[in-house]
């Protein structure tokens, strides 16, 4: 277990960029569209980073482990690299780009921090 001290900003930013709720992310990760991996069996396995994001969404900040921190940092870095800082809704150039981001829990068509819990 890791103390939450020093991770408040990362926790907040992770939850801002991950704008899919856990149920929505889980449903997405179990679809065929979530990966192009030939070993992937829809409904039985998930892309690894997406599964890690899903696990983090189910944790409290005080329960984070070092591996969780690394995943959170990586996800925030990737989303900002791909989207910039503003994270305004953007259809992007390809469906593959959107699928990639959605496997990290970020739907680029939705404003950052707009996590829907009514699904």
PDB file of N, CA and C in Angstrom:
ATOM      1  N   UNK A   1       0.830  -1.179   0.000  1.00  0.00           N
ATOM      2  CA  UNK A   1       0.000   0.000   0.000  1.00  0.00           C
ATOM      3  C   UNK A   1       0.874   1.241   0.000  1.00  0.00           C
ATOM      4  N   UNK A   2       0.364   2.264  -0.612  1.00  0.00           N
ATOM      5  CA  UNK A   2       1.081   3.513  -0.730  1.00  0.00           C
ATOM      6  C   UNK A   2       0.288   4.615  -0.051  1.00  0.00           C
ATOM      7  N   UNK A   3       0.983   5.536   0.577  1.00  0.00           N
ATOM      8  CA  UNK A   3       0.308   6.683   1.172  1.00  0.00           C
ATOM      9  C   UNK A   3      -0.197   7.585   0.062  1.00  0.00           C
ATOM     10  N   UNK A   4      -1.338   8.206   0.281  1.00  0.00           N
ATOM     11  CA  UNK A   4      -1.890   9.085  -0.754  1.00  0.00           C
ATOM     12  C   UNK A   4      -1.169  10.420  -0.809  1.00  0.00           C
ATOM     13  N   UNK A   5      -0.366  10.724   0.208  1.00  0.00           N
ATOM     14  CA  UNK A   5       0.349  11.983   0.232  1.00  0.00           C
ATOM     15  C   UNK A   5       1.261  12.082  -0.985  1.00  0.00           C
ATOM     16  N   UNK A   6       1.162  13.169  -1.708  1.00  0.00           N
ATOM     17  CA  UNK A   6       1.979  13.360  -2.887  1.00  0.00           C
ATOM     18  C   UNK A   6       1.349  12.848  -4.160  1.00  0.00           C
ATOM     19  N   UNK A   7       0.260  12.116  -4.034  1.00  0.00           N
ATOM     20  CA  UNK A   7      -0.381  11.561  -5.221  1.00  0.00           C
ATOM     21  C   UNK A   7      -1.726  12.220  -5.512  1.00  0.00           C
ATOM     22  N   UNK A   8      -2.061  13.241  -4.748  1.00  0.00           N
ATOM     23  CA  UNK A   8      -3.355  13.901  -4.935  1.00  0.00           C
ATOM     24  C   UNK A   8      -3.513  14.458  -6.344  1.00  0.00           C
ATOM     25  N   UNK A   9      -2.482  15.135  -6.849  1.00  0.00           N
ATOM     26  CA  UNK A   9      -2.569  15.717  -8.191  1.00  0.00           C
ATOM     27  C   UNK A   9      -2.683  14.629  -9.258  1.00  0.00           C
ATOM     28  N   UNK A  10      -1.899  13.575  -9.119  1.00  0.00           N
ATOM     29  CA  UNK A  10      -1.964  12.470 -10.084  1.00  0.00           C
ATOM     30  C   UNK A  10      -3.337  11.803 -10.021  1.00  0.00           C
ATOM     31  N   UNK A  11      -3.841  11.560  -8.831  1.00  0.00           N
ATOM     32  CA  UNK A  11      -5.164  10.951  -8.658  1.00  0.00           C
ATOM     33  C   UNK A  11      -6.231  11.790  -9.355  1.00  0.00           C
ATOM     34  N   UNK A  12      -6.187  13.104  -9.130  1.00  0.00           N
ATOM     35  CA  UNK A  12      -7.170  14.011  -9.730  1.00  0.00           C
ATOM     36  C   UNK A  12      -7.061  14.021 -11.251  1.00  0.00           C
ATOM     37  N   UNK A  13      -5.835  14.106 -11.752  1.00  0.00           N
ATOM     38  CA  UNK A  13      -5.653  14.167 -13.204  1.00  0.00           C
ATOM     39  C   UNK A  13      -6.021  12.838 -13.860  1.00  0.00           C
ATOM     40  N   UNK A  14      -5.684  11.736 -13.234  1.00  0.00           N
ATOM     41  CA  UNK A  14      -6.065  10.427 -13.758  1.00  0.00           C
ATOM     42  C   UNK A  14      -7.583  10.337 -13.880  1.00  0.00           C
ATOM     43  N   UNK A  15      -8.289  10.767 -12.855  1.00  0.00           N
ATOM     44  CA  UNK A  15      -9.750  10.698 -12.879  1.00  0.00           C
ATOM     45  C   UNK A  15     -10.360  11.754 -13.803  1.00  0.00           C
ATOM     46  N   UNK A  16      -9.598  12.758 -14.164  1.00  0.00           N
ATOM     47  CA  UNK A  16     -10.075  13.717 -15.166  1.00  0.00           C
ATOM     48  C   UNK A  16      -9.935  13.141 -16.568  1.00  0.00           C
ATOM     49  N   UNK A  17      -8.792  12.524 -16.858  1.00  0.00           N
ATOM     50  CA  UNK A  17      -8.575  12.007 -18.213  1.00  0.00           C
ATOM     51  C   UNK A  17      -9.304  10.686 -18.450  1.00  0.00           C
ATOM     52  N   UNK A  18      -9.495   9.896 -17.417  1.00  0.00           N
ATOM     53  CA  UNK A  18     -10.262   8.659 -17.550  1.00  0.00           C
ATOM     54  C   UNK A  18     -11.725   9.050 -17.375  1.00  0.00           C
ATOM     55  N   UNK A  19     -12.380   9.295 -18.502  1.00  0.00           N
ATOM     56  CA  UNK A  19     -13.744   9.819 -18.458  1.00  0.00           C
ATOM     57  C   UNK A  19     -14.804   8.755 -18.737  1.00  0.00           C
ATOM     58  N   UNK A  20     -14.405   7.497 -18.721  1.00  0.00           N
ATOM     59  CA  UNK A  20     -15.364   6.397 -18.820  1.00  0.00           C
ATOM     60  C   UNK A  20     -15.524   5.813 -17.416  1.00  0.00           C
ATOM     61  N   UNK A  21     -16.758   5.520 -17.017  1.00  0.00           N
ATOM     62  CA  UNK A  21     -16.924   4.907 -15.700  1.00  0.00           C
ATOM     63  C   UNK A  21     -16.542   3.429 -15.787  1.00  0.00           C
ATOM     64  N   UNK A  22     -16.420   2.783 -14.644  1.00  0.00           N
ATOM     65  CA  UNK A  22     -15.903   1.413 -14.627  1.00  0.00           C
ATOM     66  C   UNK A  22     -16.796   0.421 -15.380  1.00  0.00           C
ATOM     67  N   UNK A  23     -18.109   0.572 -15.276  1.00  0.00           N
ATOM     68  CA  UNK A  23     -18.993  -0.350 -16.006  1.00  0.00           C
ATOM     69  C   UNK A  23     -18.859  -0.162 -17.507  1.00  0.00           C
ATOM     70  N   UNK A  24     -18.811   1.078 -17.933  1.00  0.00           N
ATOM     71  CA  UNK A  24     -18.678   1.378 -19.356  1.00  0.00           C
ATOM     72  C   UNK A  24     -17.332   0.870 -19.892  1.00  0.00           C
ATOM     73  N   UNK A  25     -16.270   1.111 -19.139  1.00  0.00           N
ATOM     74  CA  UNK A  25     -14.940   0.661 -19.557  1.00  0.00           C
ATOM     75  C   UNK A  25     -14.890  -0.861 -19.630  1.00  0.00           C
ATOM     76  N   UNK A  26     -15.420  -1.525 -18.638  1.00  0.00           N
ATOM     77  CA  UNK A  26     -15.406  -2.987 -18.641  1.00  0.00           C
ATOM     78  C   UNK A  26     -16.156  -3.543 -19.854  1.00  0.00           C
ATOM     79  N   UNK A  27     -17.328  -2.994 -20.125  1.00  0.00           N
ATOM     80  CA  UNK A  27     -18.091  -3.455 -21.307  1.00  0.00           C
ATOM     81  C   UNK A  27     -17.277  -3.248 -22.577  1.00  0.00           C
ATOM     82  N   UNK A  28     -16.628  -2.087 -22.700  1.00  0.00           N
ATOM     83  CA  UNK A  28     -15.826  -1.795 -23.884  1.00  0.00           C
ATOM     84  C   UNK A  28     -14.663  -2.766 -24.008  1.00  0.00           C
ATOM     85  N   UNK A  29     -13.942  -2.993 -22.907  1.00  0.00           N
ATOM     86  CA  UNK A  29     -12.753  -3.843 -22.951  1.00  0.00           C
ATOM     87  C   UNK A  29     -13.066  -5.288 -23.320  1.00  0.00           C
ATOM     88  N   UNK A  30     -14.294  -5.697 -23.112  1.00  0.00           N
ATOM     89  CA  UNK A  30     -14.673  -7.073 -23.430  1.00  0.00           C
ATOM     90  C   UNK A  30     -15.217  -7.234 -24.850  1.00  0.00           C
ATOM     91  N   UNK A  31     -15.185  -6.160 -25.634  1.00  0.00           N
ATOM     92  CA  UNK A  31     -15.658  -6.241 -27.016  1.00  0.00           C
ATOM     93  C   UNK A  31     -14.514  -6.577 -27.969  1.00  0.00           C
ATOM     94  N   UNK A  32     -14.878  -7.069 -29.115  1.00  0.00           N
ATOM     95  CA  UNK A  32     -13.898  -7.382 -30.150  1.00  0.00           C
ATOM     96  C   UNK A  32     -13.204  -6.123 -30.652  1.00  0.00           C
ATOM     97  N   UNK A  33     -13.921  -5.003 -30.663  1.00  0.00           N
ATOM     98  CA  UNK A  33     -13.369  -3.741 -31.166  1.00  0.00           C
ATOM     99  C   UNK A  33     -12.245  -3.193 -30.301  1.00  0.00           C
ATOM    100  N   UNK A  34     -12.155  -3.650 -29.062  1.00  0.00           N
ATOM    101  CA  UNK A  34     -11.174  -3.106 -28.128  1.00  0.00           C
ATOM    102  C   UNK A  34      -9.737  -3.491 -28.472  1.00  0.00           C
ATOM    103  N   UNK A  35      -9.544  -4.490 -29.295  1.00  0.00           N
ATOM    104  CA  UNK A  35      -8.181  -4.911 -29.621  1.00  0.00           C
ATOM    105  C   UNK A  35      -8.135  -5.586 -30.981  1.00  0.00           C
ATOM    106  N   UNK A  36      -6.975  -5.548 -31.559  1.00  0.00           N
ATOM    107  CA  UNK A  36      -6.752  -6.254 -32.819  1.00  0.00           C
ATOM    108  C   UNK A  36      -5.872  -7.482 -32.592  1.00  0.00           C
ATOM    109  N   UNK A  37      -5.641  -7.814 -31.328  1.00  0.00           N
ATOM    110  CA  UNK A  37      -4.810  -8.947 -30.947  1.00  0.00           C
ATOM    111  C   UNK A  37      -5.508 -10.256 -31.329  1.00  0.00           C
ATOM    112  N   UNK A  38      -4.822 -11.095 -32.076  1.00  0.00           N
ATOM    113  CA  UNK A  38      -5.413 -12.354 -32.533  1.00  0.00           C
ATOM    114  C   UNK A  38      -5.694 -13.304 -31.374  1.00  0.00           C
ATOM    115  N   UNK A  39      -4.985 -13.151 -30.246  1.00  0.00           N
ATOM    116  CA  UNK A  39      -5.183 -14.025 -29.090  1.00  0.00           C
ATOM    117  C   UNK A  39      -6.341 -13.568 -28.208  1.00  0.00           C
ATOM    118  N   UNK A  40      -6.917 -12.433 -28.529  1.00  0.00           N
ATOM    119  CA  UNK A  40      -7.996 -11.871 -27.720  1.00  0.00           C
ATOM    120  C   UNK A  40      -9.299 -12.612 -27.981  1.00  0.00           C
ATOM    121  N   UNK A  41      -9.952 -13.016 -26.914  1.00  0.00           N
ATOM    122  CA  UNK A  41     -11.246 -13.681 -27.022  1.00  0.00           C
ATOM    123  C   UNK A  41     -12.289 -12.750 -26.411  1.00  0.00           C
ATOM    124  N   UNK A  42     -13.135 -12.102 -27.242  1.00  0.00           N
ATOM    125  CA  UNK A  42     -14.124 -11.173 -26.705  1.00  0.00           C
ATOM    126  C   UNK A  42     -14.956 -11.811 -25.600  1.00  0.00           C
ATOM    127  N   UNK A  43     -15.138 -11.062 -24.531  1.00  0.00           N
ATOM    128  CA  UNK A  43     -15.929 -11.537 -23.407  1.00  0.00           C
ATOM    129  C   UNK A  43     -15.147 -12.359 -22.400  1.00  0.00           C
ATOM    130  N   UNK A  44     -13.912 -12.733 -22.733  1.00  0.00           N
ATOM    131  CA  UNK A  44     -13.121 -13.574 -21.833  1.00  0.00           C
ATOM    132  C   UNK A  44     -11.845 -12.911 -21.332  1.00  0.00           C
ATOM    133  N   UNK A  45     -11.311 -11.967 -22.074  1.00  0.00           N
ATOM    134  CA  UNK A  45     -10.083 -11.310 -21.652  1.00  0.00           C
ATOM    135  C   UNK A  45     -10.143  -9.844 -22.045  1.00  0.00           C
ATOM    136  N   UNK A  46      -9.217  -9.071 -21.493  1.00  0.00           N
ATOM    137  CA  UNK A  46      -9.182  -7.635 -21.752  1.00  0.00           C
ATOM    138  C   UNK A  46      -7.773  -7.211 -22.133  1.00  0.00           C
ATOM    139  N   UNK A  47      -7.657  -6.108 -22.882  1.00  0.00           N
ATOM    140  CA  UNK A  47      -6.327  -5.542 -23.106  1.00  0.00           C
ATOM    141  C   UNK A  47      -5.692  -5.223 -21.748  1.00  0.00           C
ATOM    142  N   UNK A  48      -4.422  -5.534 -21.552  1.00  0.00           N
ATOM    143  CA  UNK A  48      -3.790  -5.431 -20.229  1.00  0.00           C
ATOM    144  C   UNK A  48      -3.857  -4.048 -19.570  1.00  0.00           C
ATOM    145  N   UNK A  49      -3.514  -3.001 -20.283  1.00  0.00           N
ATOM    146  CA  UNK A  49      -3.532  -1.672 -19.649  1.00  0.00           C
ATOM    147  C   UNK A  49      -4.953  -1.280 -19.281  1.00  0.00           C
ATOM    148  N   UNK A  50      -5.901  -1.595 -20.131  1.00  0.00           N
ATOM    149  CA  UNK A  50      -7.290  -1.308 -19.819  1.00  0.00           C
ATOM    150  C   UNK A  50      -7.743  -2.030 -18.565  1.00  0.00           C
ATOM    151  N   UNK A  51      -7.323  -3.281 -18.416  1.00  0.00           N
ATOM    152  CA  UNK A  51      -7.664  -4.053 -17.212  1.00  0.00           C
ATOM    153  C   UNK A  51      -7.040  -3.407 -15.973  1.00  0.00           C
ATOM    154  N   UNK A  52      -5.828  -2.876 -16.112  1.00  0.00           N
ATOM    155  CA  UNK A  52      -5.184  -2.204 -14.988  1.00  0.00           C
ATOM    156  C   UNK A  52      -5.928  -0.918 -14.626  1.00  0.00           C
ATOM    157  N   UNK A  53      -6.352  -0.156 -15.639  1.00  0.00           N
ATOM    158  CA  UNK A  53      -7.122   1.067 -15.394  1.00  0.00           C
ATOM    159  C   UNK A  53      -8.418   0.706 -14.684  1.00  0.00           C
ATOM    160  N   UNK A  54      -9.066  -0.329 -15.137  1.00  0.00           N
ATOM    161  CA  UNK A  54     -10.321  -0.771 -14.523  1.00  0.00           C
ATOM    162  C   UNK A  54     -10.107  -1.132 -13.053  1.00  0.00           C
ATOM    163  N   UNK A  55      -9.024  -1.823 -12.762  1.00  0.00           N
ATOM    164  CA  UNK A  55      -8.721  -2.181 -11.370  1.00  0.00           C
ATOM    165  C   UNK A  55      -8.489  -0.932 -10.515  1.00  0.00           C
ATOM    166  N   UNK A  56      -7.797   0.047 -11.068  1.00  0.00           N
ATOM    167  CA  UNK A  56      -7.537   1.294 -10.327  1.00  0.00           C
ATOM    168  C   UNK A  56      -8.841   2.025 -10.037  1.00  0.00           C
ATOM    169  N   UNK A  57      -9.754   2.019 -10.999  1.00  0.00           N
ATOM    170  CA  UNK A  57     -11.040   2.689 -10.788  1.00  0.00           C
ATOM    171  C   UNK A  57     -11.814   2.086  -9.618  1.00  0.00           C
ATOM    172  N   UNK A  58     -11.526   0.859  -9.297  1.00  0.00           N
ATOM    173  CA  UNK A  58     -12.193   0.190  -8.183  1.00  0.00           C
ATOM    174  C   UNK A  58     -11.486   0.356  -6.850  1.00  0.00           C
ATOM    175  N   UNK A  59     -10.412   1.133  -6.828  1.00  0.00           N
ATOM    176  CA  UNK A  59      -9.635   1.305  -5.597  1.00  0.00           C
ATOM    177  C   UNK A  59      -9.833   2.680  -4.987  1.00  0.00           C
ATOM    178  N   UNK A  60      -9.548   2.739  -3.701  1.00  0.00           N
ATOM    179  CA  UNK A  60      -9.458   4.029  -3.015  1.00  0.00           C
ATOM    180  C   UNK A  60      -8.017   4.518  -3.160  1.00  0.00           C
ATOM    181  N   UNK A  61      -7.849   5.818  -3.052  1.00  0.00           N
ATOM    182  CA  UNK A  61      -6.513   6.388  -3.207  1.00  0.00           C
ATOM    183  C   UNK A  61      -5.521   5.774  -2.214  1.00  0.00           C
ATOM    184  N   UNK A  62      -5.951   5.521  -0.990  1.00  0.00           N
ATOM    185  CA  UNK A  62      -5.040   4.980   0.024  1.00  0.00           C
ATOM    186  C   UNK A  62      -4.643   3.535  -0.254  1.00  0.00           C
ATOM    187  N   UNK A  63      -5.345   2.870  -1.186  1.00  0.00           N
ATOM    188  CA  UNK A  63      -5.041   1.478  -1.503  1.00  0.00           C
ATOM    189  C   UNK A  63      -4.148   1.317  -2.724  1.00  0.00           C
ATOM    190  N   UNK A  64      -3.700   2.434  -3.306  1.00  0.00           N
ATOM    191  CA  UNK A  64      -2.847   2.357  -4.490  1.00  0.00           C
ATOM    192  C   UNK A  64      -1.512   1.698  -4.172  1.00  0.00           C
ATOM    193  N   UNK A  65      -1.036   0.934  -5.141  1.00  0.00           N
ATOM    194  CA  UNK A  65       0.277   0.312  -5.034  1.00  0.00           C
ATOM    195  C   UNK A  65       1.204   0.986  -6.039  1.00  0.00           C
ATOM    196  N   UNK A  66       2.474   0.706  -5.948  1.00  0.00           N
ATOM    197  CA  UNK A  66       3.446   1.331  -6.852  1.00  0.00           C
ATOM    198  C   UNK A  66       3.120   1.059  -8.316  1.00  0.00           C
ATOM    199  N   UNK A  67       2.696  -0.154  -8.633  1.00  0.00           N
ATOM    200  CA  UNK A  67       2.314  -0.485 -10.015  1.00  0.00           C
ATOM    201  C   UNK A  67       1.138   0.371 -10.480  1.00  0.00           C
ATOM    202  N   UNK A  68       0.192   0.628  -9.582  1.00  0.00           N
ATOM    203  CA  UNK A  68      -0.958   1.475  -9.919  1.00  0.00           C
ATOM    204  C   UNK A  68      -0.502   2.887 -10.251  1.00  0.00           C
ATOM    205  N   UNK A  69       0.418   3.402  -9.456  1.00  0.00           N
ATOM    206  CA  UNK A  69       0.943   4.752  -9.672  1.00  0.00           C
ATOM    207  C   UNK A  69       1.584   4.836 -11.055  1.00  0.00           C
ATOM    208  N   UNK A  70       2.376   3.824 -11.399  1.00  0.00           N
ATOM    209  CA  UNK A  70       3.039   3.809 -12.709  1.00  0.00           C
ATOM    210  C   UNK A  70       2.012   3.773 -13.843  1.00  0.00           C
ATOM    211  N   UNK A  71       0.965   2.986 -13.702  1.00  0.00           N
ATOM    212  CA  UNK A  71      -0.083   2.910 -14.730  1.00  0.00           C
ATOM    213  C   UNK A  71      -0.778   4.261 -14.842  1.00  0.00           C
ATOM    214  N   UNK A  72      -1.113   4.862 -13.717  1.00  0.00           N
ATOM    215  CA  UNK A  72      -1.784   6.158 -13.728  1.00  0.00           C
ATOM    216  C   UNK A  72      -0.929   7.215 -14.428  1.00  0.00           C
ATOM    217  N   UNK A  73       0.365   7.246 -14.114  1.00  0.00           N
ATOM    218  CA  UNK A  73       1.272   8.208 -14.755  1.00  0.00           C
ATOM    219  C   UNK A  73       1.327   7.967 -16.253  1.00  0.00           C
ATOM    220  N   UNK A  74       1.416   6.696 -16.652  1.00  0.00           N
ATOM    221  CA  UNK A  74       1.495   6.356 -18.075  1.00  0.00           C
ATOM    222  C   UNK A  74       0.215   6.752 -18.805  1.00  0.00           C
ATOM    223  N   UNK A  75      -0.937   6.476 -18.225  1.00  0.00           N
ATOM    224  CA  UNK A  75      -2.213   6.803 -18.863  1.00  0.00           C
ATOM    225  C   UNK A  75      -2.355   8.320 -19.011  1.00  0.00           C
ATOM    226  N   UNK A  76      -2.055   9.064 -17.968  1.00  0.00           N
ATOM    227  CA  UNK A  76      -2.144  10.527 -18.040  1.00  0.00           C
ATOM    228  C   UNK A  76      -1.199  11.058 -19.112  1.00  0.00           C
ATOM    229  N   UNK A  77       0.022  10.541 -19.150  1.00  0.00           N
ATOM    230  CA  UNK A  77       1.008  10.978 -20.144  1.00  0.00           C
ATOM    231  C   UNK A  77       0.536  10.678 -21.569  1.00  0.00           C
ATOM    232  N   UNK A  78       0.035   9.483 -21.800  1.00  0.00           N
ATOM    233  CA  UNK A  78      -0.416   9.104 -23.145  1.00  0.00           C
ATOM    234  C   UNK A  78      -1.598   9.952 -23.585  1.00  0.00           C
ATOM    235  N   UNK A  79      -2.579  10.117 -22.709  1.00  0.00           N
ATOM    236  CA  UNK A  79      -3.761  10.896 -23.086  1.00  0.00           C
ATOM    237  C   UNK A  79      -3.363  12.335 -23.399  1.00  0.00           C
ATOM    238  N   UNK A  80      -2.491  12.926 -22.596  1.00  0.00           N
ATOM    239  CA  UNK A  80      -2.059  14.300 -22.874  1.00  0.00           C
ATOM    240  C   UNK A  80      -1.218  14.375 -24.144  1.00  0.00           C
ATOM    241  N   UNK A  81      -0.405  13.373 -24.401  1.00  0.00           N
ATOM    242  CA  UNK A  81       0.393  13.365 -25.633  1.00  0.00           C
ATOM    243  C   UNK A  81      -0.528  13.290 -26.859  1.00  0.00           C
ATOM    244  N   UNK A  82      -1.546  12.468 -26.767  1.00  0.00           N
ATOM    245  CA  UNK A  82      -2.462  12.281 -27.893  1.00  0.00           C
ATOM    246  C   UNK A  82      -3.487  13.399 -28.028  1.00  0.00           C
ATOM    247  N   UNK A  83      -3.855  14.025 -26.923  1.00  0.00           N
ATOM    248  CA  UNK A  83      -4.957  14.975 -26.924  1.00  0.00           C
ATOM    249  C   UNK A  83      -4.561  16.400 -26.593  1.00  0.00           C
ATOM    250  N   UNK A  84      -3.393  16.625 -26.000  1.00  0.00           N
ATOM    251  CA  UNK A  84      -3.049  17.962 -25.524  1.00  0.00           C
ATOM    252  C   UNK A  84      -3.606  18.165 -24.129  1.00  0.00           C
ATOM    253  N   UNK A  85      -3.592  19.382 -23.669  1.00  0.00           N
ATOM    254  CA  UNK A  85      -4.015  19.667 -22.300  1.00  0.00           C
ATOM    255  C   UNK A  85      -5.506  19.953 -22.170  1.00  0.00           C
ATOM    256  N   UNK A  86      -6.142  20.492 -23.204  1.00  0.00           N
ATOM    257  CA  UNK A  86      -7.525  20.944 -23.047  1.00  0.00           C
ATOM    258  C   UNK A  86      -8.537  19.802 -23.020  1.00  0.00           C
ATOM    259  N   UNK A  87      -8.268  18.717 -23.713  1.00  0.00           N
ATOM    260  CA  UNK A  87      -9.112  17.533 -23.746  1.00  0.00           C
ATOM    261  C   UNK A  87     -10.551  17.807 -24.178  1.00  0.00           C
ATOM    262  N   UNK A  88     -10.713  18.801 -25.027  1.00  0.00           N
ATOM    263  CA  UNK A  88     -12.038  19.074 -25.577  1.00  0.00           C
ATOM    264  C   UNK A  88     -12.439  17.924 -26.495  1.00  0.00           C
ATOM    265  N   UNK A  89     -13.737  17.635 -26.606  1.00  0.00           N
ATOM    266  CA  UNK A  89     -14.175  16.526 -27.461  1.00  0.00           C
ATOM    267  C   UNK A  89     -13.607  16.639 -28.883  1.00  0.00           C
ATOM    268  N   UNK A  90     -13.113  15.520 -29.398  1.00  0.00           N
ATOM    269  CA  UNK A  90     -12.453  15.495 -30.698  1.00  0.00           C
ATOM    270  C   UNK A  90     -12.643  14.119 -31.323  1.00  0.00           C
ATOM    271  N   UNK A  91     -13.137  14.092 -32.549  1.00  0.00           N
ATOM    272  CA  UNK A  91     -13.345  12.825 -33.248  1.00  0.00           C
ATOM    273  C   UNK A  91     -12.030  12.226 -33.737  1.00  0.00           C
ATOM    274  N   UNK A  92     -10.982  13.036 -33.844  1.00  0.00           N
ATOM    275  CA  UNK A  92      -9.696  12.519 -34.287  1.00  0.00           C
ATOM    276  C   UNK A  92      -9.691  12.147 -35.754  1.00  0.00           C
ATOM    277  N   UNK A  93      -8.587  11.556 -36.172  1.00  0.00           N
ATOM    278  CA  UNK A  93      -8.402  11.218 -37.575  1.00  0.00           C
ATOM    279  C   UNK A  93      -8.834   9.807 -37.938  1.00  0.00           C
ATOM    280  N   UNK A  94      -8.985   8.945 -36.923  1.00  0.00           N
ATOM    281  CA  UNK A  94      -9.324   7.560 -37.251  1.00  0.00           C
ATOM    282  C   UNK A  94     -10.061   6.880 -36.105  1.00  0.00           C
ATOM    283  N   UNK A  95     -10.800   5.857 -36.463  1.00  0.00           N
ATOM    284  CA  UNK A  95     -11.484   5.050 -35.456  1.00  0.00           C
ATOM    285  C   UNK A  95     -10.466   4.304 -34.599  1.00  0.00           C
ATOM    286  N   UNK A  96      -9.333   3.952 -35.187  1.00  0.00           N
ATOM    287  CA  UNK A  96      -8.286   3.242 -34.447  1.00  0.00           C
ATOM    288  C   UNK A  96      -7.749   4.111 -33.310  1.00  0.00           C
ATOM    289  N   UNK A  97      -7.584   5.409 -33.563  1.00  0.00           N
ATOM    290  CA  UNK A  97      -7.113   6.338 -32.542  1.00  0.00           C
ATOM    291  C   UNK A  97      -8.098   6.382 -31.372  1.00  0.00           C
ATOM    292  N   UNK A  98      -9.391   6.464 -31.686  1.00  0.00           N
ATOM    293  CA  UNK A  98     -10.409   6.491 -30.622  1.00  0.00           C
ATOM    294  C   UNK A  98     -10.401   5.179 -29.852  1.00  0.00           C
ATOM    295  N   UNK A  99     -10.316   4.051 -30.550  1.00  0.00           N
ATOM    296  CA  UNK A  99     -10.283   2.746 -29.868  1.00  0.00           C
ATOM    297  C   UNK A  99      -9.097   2.652 -28.921  1.00  0.00           C
ATOM    298  N   UNK A 100      -7.942   3.117 -29.386  1.00  0.00           N
ATOM    299  CA  UNK A 100      -6.736   3.103 -28.557  1.00  0.00           C
ATOM    300  C   UNK A 100      -6.965   3.873 -27.255  1.00  0.00           C
ATOM    301  N   UNK A 101      -7.497   5.083 -27.350  1.00  0.00           N
ATOM    302  CA  UNK A 101      -7.730   5.900 -26.160  1.00  0.00           C
ATOM    303  C   UNK A 101      -8.811   5.300 -25.265  1.00  0.00           C
ATOM    304  N   UNK A 102      -9.834   4.726 -25.870  1.00  0.00           N
ATOM    305  CA  UNK A 102     -10.897   4.120 -25.066  1.00  0.00           C
ATOM    306  C   UNK A 102     -10.389   2.916 -24.283  1.00  0.00           C
ATOM    307  N   UNK A 103      -9.375   2.242 -24.784  1.00  0.00           N
ATOM    308  CA  UNK A 103      -8.783   1.129 -24.038  1.00  0.00           C
ATOM    309  C   UNK A 103      -8.024   1.611 -22.808  1.00  0.00           C
ATOM    310  N   UNK A 104      -7.796   2.915 -22.738  1.00  0.00           N
ATOM    311  CA  UNK A 104      -7.179   3.526 -21.559  1.00  0.00           C
ATOM    312  C   UNK A 104      -8.229   4.171 -20.659  1.00  0.00           C
ATOM    313  N   UNK A 105      -9.496   4.079 -21.062  1.00  0.00           N
ATOM    314  CA  UNK A 105     -10.570   4.666 -20.276  1.00  0.00           C
ATOM    315  C   UNK A 105     -10.912   6.088 -20.665  1.00  0.00           C
ATOM    316  N   UNK A 106     -10.381   6.553 -21.794  1.00  0.00           N
ATOM    317  CA  UNK A 106     -10.625   7.922 -22.240  1.00  0.00           C
ATOM    318  C   UNK A 106     -11.381   7.916 -23.563  1.00  0.00           C
ATOM    319  N   UNK A 107     -12.609   8.409 -23.536  1.00  0.00           N
ATOM    320  CA  UNK A 107     -13.381   8.550 -24.769  1.00  0.00           C
ATOM    321  C   UNK A 107     -13.165   9.973 -25.282  1.00  0.00           C
ATOM    322  N   UNK A 108     -12.461  10.137 -26.412  1.00  0.00           N
ATOM    323  CA  UNK A 108     -12.140  11.479 -26.898  1.00  0.00           C
ATOM    324  C   UNK A 108     -13.357  12.273 -27.386  1.00  0.00           C
ATOM    325  N   UNK A 109     -14.508  11.620 -27.508  1.00  0.00           N
ATOM    326  CA  UNK A 109     -15.712  12.338 -27.917  1.00  0.00           C
ATOM    327  C   UNK A 109     -16.437  12.961 -26.729  1.00  0.00           C
ATOM    328  N   UNK A 110     -15.966  12.686 -25.534  1.00  0.00           N
ATOM    329  CA  UNK A 110     -16.592  13.171 -24.310  1.00  0.00           C
ATOM    330  C   UNK A 110     -15.653  14.175 -23.630  1.00  0.00           C
ATOM    331  N   UNK A 111     -16.208  15.238 -23.069  1.00  0.00           N
ATOM    332  CA  UNK A 111     -15.355  16.185 -22.339  1.00  0.00           C
ATOM    333  C   UNK A 111     -14.644  15.505 -21.168  1.00  0.00           C
ATOM    334  N   UNK A 112     -13.439  15.942 -20.866  1.00  0.00           N
ATOM    335  CA  UNK A 112     -12.687  15.385 -19.742  1.00  0.00           C
ATOM    336  C   UNK A 112     -13.476  15.577 -18.462  1.00  0.00           C
ATOM    337  N   UNK A 113     -13.426  14.591 -17.599  1.00  0.00           N
ATOM    338  CA  UNK A 113     -14.097  14.670 -16.317  1.00  0.00           C
ATOM    339  C   UNK A 113     -15.587  14.386 -16.396  1.00  0.00           C
ATOM    340  N   UNK A 114     -16.113  14.170 -17.589  1.00  0.00           N
ATOM    341  CA  UNK A 114     -17.547  13.894 -17.755  1.00  0.00           C
ATOM    342  C   UNK A 114     -17.768  12.403 -17.708  1.00  0.00           C
ATOM    343  N   UNK A 115     -17.623  11.838 -16.531  1.00  0.00           N
ATOM    344  CA  UNK A 115     -17.771  10.402 -16.368  1.00  0.00           C
ATOM    345  C   UNK A 115     -19.238  10.093 -16.164  1.00  0.00           C
ATOM    346  N   UNK A 116     -19.808   9.366 -17.076  1.00  0.00           N
ATOM    347  CA  UNK A 116     -21.236   9.045 -17.004  1.00  0.00           C
ATOM    348  C   UNK A 116     -21.428   7.823 -16.113  1.00  0.00           C
ATOM    349  N   UNK A 117     -22.322   7.944 -15.187  1.00  0.00           N
ATOM    350  CA  UNK A 117     -22.588   6.823 -14.283  1.00  0.00           C
ATOM    351  C   UNK A 117     -23.998   6.289 -14.452  1.00  0.00           C
ATOM    352  N   UNK A 118     -24.678   6.732 -15.497  1.00  0.00           N
ATOM    353  CA  UNK A 118     -26.058   6.311 -15.710  1.00  0.00           C
ATOM    354  C   UNK A 118     -26.187   5.175 -16.704  1.00  0.00           C
ATOM    355  N   UNK A 119     -25.097   4.524 -17.035  1.00  0.00           N
ATOM    356  CA  UNK A 119     -25.134   3.474 -18.055  1.00  0.00           C
ATOM    357  C   UNK A 119     -25.155   2.107 -17.428  1.00  0.00           C
TER     358      UNK A 119
END
